[in-house]
Amino acid sequence: MSEEKEINEELNQEATDSTTGSTVDNAAEEQVKAEPTAEERYAELNDKFLRLYSEFDNYRKRTNKEKIDLIGSASAGVLKDLIPVLDDFERAIANNESSEDIAVLKEGFHLIYNKFKTTLENKGLKAMNAKGETFDSELHEAIANIPAPDKKMVGKVIDDVEKGYYLNEKVIRYAKVVV
């Protein structure tokens, strides 16, 4: 029995040595395979570059399309809110054809004006108050220059010919004023 045991141990030892040797050989082969050649490295980097470039190009096209869509539908919300005002004008015109009372007509136009003004103010529109203010070329457009009636009014806005407007604190129309 001990002879069998010794033979088995010798066989196991030889198997271990051959396995270890093949493991060393495999590691050397893997190390050689792990280091890519210059052509393989170039092909890999070129592939990465092309993929990155394609992704960026797709991103650019997608964002441009989204901008065009946004610009095309940007005014839809404002127009949707102004449709009831248009309906009120149409009803007022139809009603005015048969109405004789001037006070009722004036009141109707004031109601429609207030509804229109409120709708625009809710969208961020704010009228500019220029009369009596110091002239500012960033906010006002001088269309006339007249002598000041008194020394306090020198360089100040005397009259508003056309109101200016802000949209969310940004000037969208300059006030046309007399200085």
Foldseek 3Di string as FASTA:
>chain_A
DVVVVVVVVVVVVVVVVVVVVVVVVVVVVVVVVVDDDPVVVVVVVVVVVVVVVVVVVVVVVVVVVVVVVCVVCVCVVLVVLCVVLVVLVVVLVVVVVPDDDPVVNVVSVVVSVVSNVVSVVVQQKDWDDAAFAADDPLAADEPEEDDDPDPSCVRGFHDFPAIWMDRNNHTPGHTYTYD
